[in-house]
Structure formats: structure tokens, C-alpha cells
């Protein structure tokens, strides 16, 4: 009777461990999906503005999140299948892969946080130069499109204010054809509407486009940092607190196969 009782107890413990592992793995998968979603959202939402930044850290952080999220989603799915089907292969390698992926997530979060600290200074140093020197210039179509999108989306004109355009290559060289500002500064865009730079016709926002773009990027960087660091810490904490050794889980699954 005692042997049969112990066997039943071992079977019950094995089943509990197996499904507990499945629950943890599912949570990891959900975390990976969240990280992937944030990475894609960051690049898709206003990705045109990336050409206006001197540093690629913003884009790199998003790409790292996408990579980490994709790996977690794939690895998590395979882990769930392994637990459900009670495969004999040990899951220790699976846990090592997860730890490596969580480290990648942590790196993305730290990068986003570091870049957030120097974002304002970078924009002040480079945005005005990029807009005034590259707008409507040969080979700078991406910058031109980004500037037009920026001014229309955020309802602003110029880096600091609309007067920035008076010293731009676009206006000084005569490419503007008499415009004081690009047509994208206009509240209602019509051909050559930029000739009249009155506040009733163009956007005269305090702080210019720098303030608007800085807030937009800062909000995104905070999300990237919070998701990257937060999800990584939660996932690693879950592994650390997992109630049994990885090897014992593997052995338990082996005994049921």
C-alpha cells in the first residue's frame, strides 16, 4: 500500500510540476509577445523621423526588442509544446536560452534609458542643422519627407521657430521660389502657401518642432525602457523563484513519458 501511495504521490507531483512549468512558460511567451509588440509599434509609429536623428540608438533599441520578442515567442511556443507532449529531451537548454533572451531585453531597456538622458541635447545640436542644411537638397529626399511629416503631424514650423527657415539652404538658394517657409508649415496646405508666414497661415508653436519631437521620442523611449527592463526582470525573477531544480523537472517529465 505504501509503495502504491508513493507512486500515486509521485505521479501527482509530476503532473503539478509539469503544468506549473507550462504556466510559467506561457507567461514568458506573453512577455515576449508584449516586447515584440512594443518594438514593432516603435518603428511603425512615425518611423520617418529616424532620419532626423544623429544617433541610431533609438532604432537599435527597437530592433533589439523585436529580436528578443521574436525569440521569446518562438522559444516559448516550443517550450509549451515540449511540456504538453511530455518530450524526453531535457529542458535545461530551454531555460538557458530564456536567460540569454532576457539579457537581450535588458540591454534594449538600458539603451533606451541611456538615450533618453541625452535625447534633448542631441536634438538641440542636430535637428536645426539637419532641417536647414538638408531640406529639399539632392539625395536628401528621406529628410525632406521626414521634415514635412514632422511639421504637419505636430503642427509646428522650424526647429526652434519659423525664423529658422530664413537661413536655410532651401530659402537662401532660391529653391523656395519666394517662400519664406516650406508649404508643410501651413495650416492648410496649398501650392506656394509658404510665401506668407503670418501666424494665421502657418504654425507658430512656442519651442518649435524640437519640443514636439523630443516629447514624442521621450514617451516612446520610456515605454521601450520600461517594457525591456520590466519584462526581463519579471521573467528572470520567475525563473529564480521556480520551486524546483530544472534537472528534476526534466527527470519528472522523463518518468511520465
Protein backbone atom coordinates (compact mmCIF):
# COMPACT_ATOMS: atom_id res chain seq x y z
CA UNK A 1 0.00 0.00 0.00
CA UNK A 2 2.80 2.41 0.93
CA UNK A 3 4.60 1.77 -2.39
CA UNK A 4 1.38 2.36 -4.34
CA UNK A 5 0.69 5.50 -2.33
CA UNK A 6 4.18 6.82 -3.03
CA UNK A 7 3.77 6.10 -6.74
CA UNK A 8 0.46 7.97 -6.78
CA UNK A 9 2.02 10.85 -4.87
CA UNK A 10 4.97 11.00 -7.28
CA UNK A 11 2.59 10.99 -10.23
CA UNK A 12 0.58 13.84 -8.69
CA UNK A 13 3.76 15.87 -8.01
CA UNK A 14 4.96 15.23 -11.55
CA UNK A 15 1.69 16.45 -13.03
CA UNK A 16 1.75 19.57 -10.86
CA UNK A 17 5.33 20.35 -11.82
CA UNK A 18 4.56 19.82 -15.47
CA UNK A 19 1.61 22.18 -15.53
CA UNK A 20 3.35 24.71 -13.30
CA UNK A 21 6.17 24.77 -15.84
CA UNK A 22 3.62 25.22 -18.60
CA UNK A 23 2.07 28.21 -16.80
CA UNK A 24 5.47 29.86 -16.31
CA UNK A 25 6.34 29.21 -19.94
CA UNK A 26 3.05 30.70 -21.10
CA UNK A 27 3.74 33.84 -19.06
CA UNK A 28 7.18 34.07 -20.66
CA UNK A 29 5.55 33.77 -24.07
CA UNK A 30 3.11 36.56 -23.24
CA UNK A 31 6.00 38.74 -22.09
CA UNK A 32 7.84 38.07 -25.34
CA UNK A 33 4.75 38.98 -27.33
CA UNK A 34 4.50 42.26 -25.41
CA UNK A 35 8.15 43.07 -26.08
CA UNK A 36 7.74 42.25 -29.77
CA UNK A 37 4.63 44.40 -29.99
CA UNK A 38 6.34 47.40 -28.41
CA UNK A 39 9.32 47.06 -30.76
CA UNK A 40 7.13 46.95 -33.86
CA UNK A 41 4.95 49.81 -32.59
CA UNK A 42 8.04 51.95 -32.01
CA UNK A 43 9.31 51.51 -35.55
CA UNK A 44 5.94 51.76 -37.28
CA UNK A 45 4.74 54.85 -35.40
CA UNK A 46 6.42 57.85 -37.00
CA UNK A 47 9.44 55.83 -38.15
CA UNK A 48 10.09 58.54 -40.76
CA UNK A 49 11.54 60.72 -38.01
CA UNK A 50 14.52 58.39 -37.56
CA UNK A 51 16.30 60.13 -40.44
CA UNK A 52 16.28 63.34 -38.39
CA UNK A 53 18.30 61.81 -35.55
CA UNK A 54 22.09 61.87 -35.46
CA UNK A 55 22.21 58.67 -33.43
CA UNK A 56 20.75 55.29 -34.36
CA UNK A 57 20.28 54.26 -30.70
CA UNK A 58 16.52 54.80 -30.86
CA UNK A 59 16.13 52.44 -33.81
CA UNK A 60 18.64 49.94 -32.40
CA UNK A 61 16.68 49.69 -29.14
CA UNK A 62 13.51 48.94 -31.09
CA UNK A 63 15.23 46.34 -33.29
CA UNK A 64 16.71 44.61 -30.24
CA UNK A 65 13.25 44.42 -28.68
CA UNK A 66 11.84 42.93 -31.88
CA UNK A 67 14.65 40.34 -31.97
CA UNK A 68 14.24 39.44 -28.30
CA UNK A 69 10.45 39.32 -28.54
CA UNK A 70 10.55 37.11 -31.62
CA UNK A 71 12.97 34.69 -29.98
CA UNK A 72 10.86 34.52 -26.81
CA UNK A 73 7.68 33.89 -28.81
CA UNK A 74 9.29 31.06 -30.80
CA UNK A 75 11.13 29.56 -27.83
CA UNK A 76 8.09 29.86 -25.59
CA UNK A 77 5.88 28.11 -28.12
CA UNK A 78 8.37 25.26 -28.46
CA UNK A 79 8.65 25.04 -24.67
CA UNK A 80 4.88 24.75 -24.28
CA UNK A 81 4.80 22.00 -26.91
CA UNK A 82 7.60 20.14 -25.13
CA UNK A 83 5.76 20.23 -21.80
CA UNK A 84 2.34 19.32 -23.22
CA UNK A 85 3.68 16.42 -25.30
CA UNK A 86 5.97 15.26 -22.47
CA UNK A 87 9.02 15.04 -24.66
CA UNK A 88 12.06 13.27 -23.23
CA UNK A 89 14.60 15.97 -24.07
CA UNK A 90 15.77 17.91 -21.03
CA UNK A 91 14.54 21.49 -20.64
CA UNK A 92 17.75 22.85 -19.17
CA UNK A 93 18.82 24.19 -22.57
CA UNK A 94 15.44 25.85 -22.89
CA UNK A 95 15.94 27.76 -19.62
CA UNK A 96 19.44 28.83 -20.66
CA UNK A 97 18.02 30.21 -23.92
CA UNK A 98 15.40 32.15 -21.98
CA UNK A 99 18.03 33.67 -19.72
CA UNK A 100 20.03 34.75 -22.75
CA UNK A 101 16.94 36.32 -24.33
CA UNK A 102 16.05 38.17 -21.15
CA UNK A 103 19.57 39.61 -21.14
CA UNK A 104 18.92 40.98 -24.63
CA UNK A 105 15.69 42.57 -23.40
CA UNK A 106 17.58 44.14 -20.52
CA UNK A 107 20.17 45.59 -22.92
CA UNK A 108 17.40 47.15 -25.03
CA UNK A 109 15.84 48.72 -21.95
CA UNK A 110 19.16 50.12 -20.72
CA UNK A 111 19.97 51.55 -24.17
CA UNK A 112 16.59 53.27 -24.28
CA UNK A 113 17.12 54.72 -20.80
CA UNK A 114 20.64 55.99 -21.61
CA UNK A 115 19.49 57.55 -24.88
CA UNK A 116 16.56 59.15 -23.10
CA UNK A 117 19.03 61.02 -20.87
CA UNK A 118 20.81 62.68 -23.81
CA UNK A 119 17.92 62.97 -26.27
CA UNK A 120 17.27 66.65 -25.61
CA UNK A 121 20.90 67.65 -26.14
CA UNK A 122 21.13 65.69 -29.39
CA UNK A 123 18.02 67.31 -30.81
CA UNK A 124 19.24 70.78 -29.88
CA UNK A 125 22.58 70.17 -31.56
CA UNK A 126 21.50 68.36 -34.71
CA UNK A 127 17.85 68.89 -35.61
CA UNK A 128 18.16 72.52 -36.69
CA UNK A 129 21.25 71.75 -38.79
CA UNK A 130 19.58 68.75 -40.40
CA UNK A 131 16.47 70.69 -41.32
CA UNK A 132 18.13 73.86 -42.61
CA UNK A 133 21.02 72.17 -44.45
CA UNK A 134 19.34 69.10 -45.94
CA UNK A 135 15.73 70.06 -46.65
CA UNK A 136 14.89 69.79 -50.38
CA UNK A 137 18.52 69.06 -51.24
CA UNK A 138 19.58 66.44 -53.83
CA UNK A 139 19.86 62.96 -52.32
CA UNK A 140 18.10 64.05 -49.11
CA UNK A 141 14.57 63.03 -50.07
CA UNK A 142 14.13 61.00 -46.86
CA UNK A 143 15.00 64.03 -44.73
CA UNK A 144 12.68 66.27 -46.77
CA UNK A 145 9.79 63.84 -46.35
CA UNK A 146 10.55 63.46 -42.62
CA UNK A 147 10.59 67.23 -42.08
CA UNK A 148 7.31 67.72 -43.96
CA UNK A 149 5.70 64.91 -41.96
CA UNK A 150 7.07 66.29 -38.70
CA UNK A 151 5.75 69.81 -39.31
CA UNK A 152 2.32 68.60 -40.40
CA UNK A 153 1.89 65.88 -37.76
CA UNK A 154 2.99 68.06 -34.86
CA UNK A 155 1.66 71.34 -36.23
CA UNK A 156 4.99 73.13 -35.91
CA UNK A 157 7.33 75.10 -38.15
CA UNK A 158 11.10 75.11 -37.95
CA UNK A 159 13.41 73.55 -35.40
CA UNK A 160 13.05 76.29 -32.78
CA UNK A 161 10.62 78.57 -34.64
CA UNK A 162 9.65 79.53 -38.17
CA UNK A 163 12.52 82.04 -38.43
CA UNK A 164 14.97 79.13 -38.65
CA UNK A 165 13.98 78.73 -42.29
CA UNK A 166 15.23 82.19 -43.26
CA UNK A 167 18.85 80.94 -43.15
CA UNK A 168 18.17 77.53 -44.68
CA UNK A 169 19.68 76.42 -47.98
CA UNK A 170 16.15 75.90 -49.26
CA UNK A 171 15.27 79.59 -48.89
CA UNK A 172 18.70 81.19 -49.46
CA UNK A 173 19.42 79.27 -52.67
CA UNK A 174 16.17 80.33 -54.27
CA UNK A 175 14.71 76.80 -54.38
CA UNK A 176 11.83 78.08 -52.28
CA UNK A 177 10.60 80.23 -55.19
CA UNK A 178 9.73 83.11 -52.91
CA UNK A 179 8.51 81.01 -49.98
CA UNK A 180 9.51 82.12 -46.51
CA UNK A 181 8.91 78.61 -45.15
CA UNK A 182 8.12 75.21 -46.67
CA UNK A 183 4.48 74.61 -47.56
CA UNK A 184 4.34 71.94 -44.84
CA UNK A 185 4.38 74.77 -42.28
CA UNK A 186 0.97 75.92 -43.48
CA UNK A 187 -2.18 75.17 -41.52
CA UNK A 188 -3.92 74.46 -44.81
CA UNK A 189 -1.50 73.31 -47.50
CA UNK A 190 -1.93 74.85 -50.93
CA UNK A 191 0.71 75.44 -53.64
CA UNK A 192 3.17 78.18 -52.55
CA UNK A 193 1.26 78.81 -49.32
CA UNK A 194 4.63 79.15 -47.56
CA UNK A 195 5.14 82.60 -49.08
CA UNK A 196 3.03 84.12 -46.30
CA UNK A 197 4.47 83.44 -42.85
CA UNK A 198 1.75 85.14 -40.85
CA UNK A 199 0.52 83.25 -37.72
CA UNK A 200 -2.91 82.95 -39.32
CA UNK A 201 -1.35 80.97 -42.16
CA UNK A 202 1.50 78.93 -40.64
CA UNK A 203 2.15 77.18 -37.33
CA UNK A 204 3.95 79.39 -34.82
CA UNK A 205 4.40 76.99 -31.93
CA UNK A 206 6.44 78.00 -28.91
CA UNK A 207 9.57 75.85 -28.84
CA UNK A 208 9.20 74.76 -32.46
CA UNK A 209 9.43 71.18 -33.64
CA UNK A 210 12.24 70.29 -31.22
CA UNK A 211 9.87 70.40 -28.26
CA UNK A 212 7.25 68.30 -30.02
CA UNK A 213 9.67 65.69 -31.37
CA UNK A 214 11.51 65.45 -28.06
CA UNK A 215 8.30 64.68 -26.18
CA UNK A 216 7.25 62.13 -28.78
CA UNK A 217 10.58 60.28 -28.73
CA UNK A 218 10.90 60.53 -24.95
CA UNK A 219 7.49 58.90 -24.48
CA UNK A 220 8.49 56.06 -26.80
CA UNK A 221 11.86 55.60 -25.10
CA UNK A 222 10.20 55.40 -21.69
CA UNK A 223 7.91 52.65 -22.97
CA UNK A 224 10.85 50.78 -24.55
CA UNK A 225 12.90 51.05 -21.37
CA UNK A 226 10.05 50.08 -19.05
CA UNK A 227 8.99 47.08 -21.14
CA UNK A 228 12.53 45.86 -21.82
CA UNK A 229 13.78 46.10 -18.25
CA UNK A 230 10.44 45.29 -16.59
CA UNK A 231 9.66 42.15 -18.59
CA UNK A 232 13.25 40.89 -18.31
CA UNK A 233 13.26 41.31 -14.51
CA UNK A 234 9.86 39.67 -14.10
CA UNK A 235 10.84 36.73 -16.26
CA UNK A 236 14.19 36.24 -14.55
CA UNK A 237 12.52 36.55 -11.17
CA UNK A 238 10.07 33.84 -12.13
CA UNK A 239 12.89 31.51 -13.14
CA UNK A 240 14.81 32.28 -9.92
CA UNK A 241 11.78 31.53 -7.78
CA UNK A 242 10.80 28.41 -9.68
CA UNK A 243 10.21 25.89 -6.88
CA UNK A 244 12.30 23.03 -8.24
CA UNK A 245 15.61 22.49 -9.96
CA UNK A 246 15.49 22.37 -13.77
CA UNK A 247 17.00 18.88 -13.80
CA UNK A 248 14.31 17.50 -11.52
CA UNK A 249 11.63 18.88 -13.80
CA UNK A 250 13.30 17.23 -16.76
CA UNK A 251 13.56 13.95 -14.89
CA UNK A 252 9.91 14.21 -13.86
CA UNK A 253 8.82 14.67 -17.45
CA UNK A 254 11.04 11.75 -18.46
CA UNK A 255 9.37 9.43 -15.95
CA UNK A 256 5.91 10.22 -17.30
CA UNK A 257 6.91 9.59 -20.96
